[in-house]
């Protein structure tokens, strides 16, 4: 099939190149502005209790969790002084009069409520609600934030709250992405020239990457008309577009040059390249896409967006590598080595460094395998103590003004205003059941971790009324319902915050309630993610097993690949806990440890890193199998396979690591976690796994590597994807004695 595709591409090379150029220009024109259509939200499960509570608050009570906070500092005197109070009340009314602004209350509008003033009475809070979707909230706070960041003779006003935090996070990520691209692209080009030794050959991966990235932007733009797509998916588009283009181009161009050196003419070399390396690229793309498609199982739009971007960029990189790249090679032919800066003379077969490494490992497979496995388990040990949370203002750099506001509230106020739990009781008669409403509010206020409960019947602390209901209490009343604002005195994004949600949800109530707020979002997000994780992991394992079986005809090799991948990723996750949760080297990396890991990032890293790991596995196995089919010698085929691909896999890993470490320079902690974590995962997989554990395990298994039960062997012979050079009689006849070699 791929041979026919190669011949078609050669015959139609000019129309294919022209059509590709037109499509890229069209994709750039229509997809280039996709960023303004992408969402800044998508972190919540829309069917969760916390999301339903938020929806009911907005629909019935026309309010929500305060997401815009003004921290007001008196430049003279106290916030209770009459002249300051008049100015503060005017500020409150000004914000409340803004179009698309919901409920607004403040220290002054609530009759100088003590919890809304700092302990020294030098600062006070204005709490505002911007109702609507995440994107609508982002648009409104983008318009309002500059206007309400002000200083006059009496007051200094700074803007905080969840809406402002994530507005500044998004702005920082856009800036960081542009910086990452400016770092990664020139370094990548330089390294490609080092690898290929030729400017023309080195430019081909960047061309493939451009096609994949620009095409994916168009696909994302189309998807935004049907569903929510996260702005963060752009980071993956750039990283995977460049990374996979480098991987696939390296493999195809290197094989093409090898075939030319072997004496084939340009067109025959292209055909042979697609029949061998092209088949490997096809398998690789399939395994990576399968891993990323598991993200579609999760209900969070944030995670699903990475599947949209990842699957698109993988598919386009594969198509460009199998059609656009061969068409280019058919045009330039031997000029692929034009502008050669230096020539690398390949060493005779059996004398390369990777052959020597594989041979050395296979001489002592048990010793080396045991040492490396022990090292990986040691690195993975910290993951046993992992704690998960959601991003808050501490993911920002300390210079971010919204973080400074939230830090001041944490340090100077008695409760964390703007991080409360909202307990919604729909279908309640607020008049007839007033006594029950008050009793329930008092009961909630006695829960450990609760600083205060505000409701229709007043404000409660430790089971007693501390403030009688004032004019602002009307916001808790609807025709058939009420709600309660539960202010915590514990960190909301923490295990204490999670316990508080559990306690509130299990406290007996005289009517059905829904509990929302940041801590409830954390509990529900973890439930949604971890509830689907076994299904996602099972899907990846099953489909990867099937694909590798169809490629190799073995049931041993897919199991080995799955075990080694899990081992490698466990070590990476352990390192991430040690660095980002426990805070080691946080000063050098420039982030604030919070004692937990972002809940979504490990899932994202698992799917992407697993796919890329299988990418390298396919590269190596394809060449090992090719040698084994030709010789039937297990040990020799492993050594030659690693010799043929070791340099390519290492170069590809180094190049894609450059892309991810550039992303790791981000000033936003969870983006830094993603970039640094992916870099470590890729480098560990391409070195410790491919260079040591793969040859060690394959040496120990001997010919049993290629074993499959009789019925599955017949399935492979009928449906397996074979290269044109496969001799189908070799594998079935091989003895299956573990550790043996002919």
Foldseek 3Di string as FASTA:
>chain_A
DLLVLLVVLLVCLVVLQVVLVVVLVVLCVQLVPLLLLAFLFQLFQCPDLQNVQQVCCCPFLVFHQQFKKKKKFWPDDACPDPVNLVVVVVVQVVQCPDPQWTDKDWCNNQPNPQLQAFPVRRIGMITTTRDDDLRSLLVVCVVCQVVQQDDDPTIGIHMAGNSQLSNVVVVLLVVLLVQLCVQQPVVLLVLLCVQQLANLLSCQLVVLLSSLLSNLSSLSSVCSVPDHAHSVLNLVSNLLSSLLSLLLSLQLVVQLVVVVVVPDFQSVSSSQSCLFSVVLLVLLLVLLLLLLCLLVLFSGNHSVNNNSSRNSSSVSSSVCSSRVVSSVCSVCGVCSRPRRNDDDDDDPFCPDPLLVLLVVQLVPLVVLQVVLLVVLVVLLVQLVVAFAWADDSQLFFPPDRNSVVQVCCLVTGQFRRSQWKKKWFFQAACVVCVVLVLQLLLVLQLDPFFAWKQALQAIYHNSDHPGGDDPVRCSQDGRGIGMMTTIGNDDCTDVVVLVSVVVSCPPDGPGDIRMHGRNSSGVNSLCSVVVSVVVSVVSSLVVQQVSVCLAQVANQVSVLLVVLLVSLLSSLSSNLCVPQQVPPCCVVLRGDRDNHAHSCLSSSLSSNLSSVLVSLVSQLVSQLSVVCQVPVWQSSSNSSSCSVCLSSLQSSLVSSLSSLVSQLSRSRNNSVSNSVSSNSSSNCSSDSVSSHNVSSQSLQFTLLRRDDPPVSSVVSVVRRDDRPPGDSVSSVPRDGDGNDTD
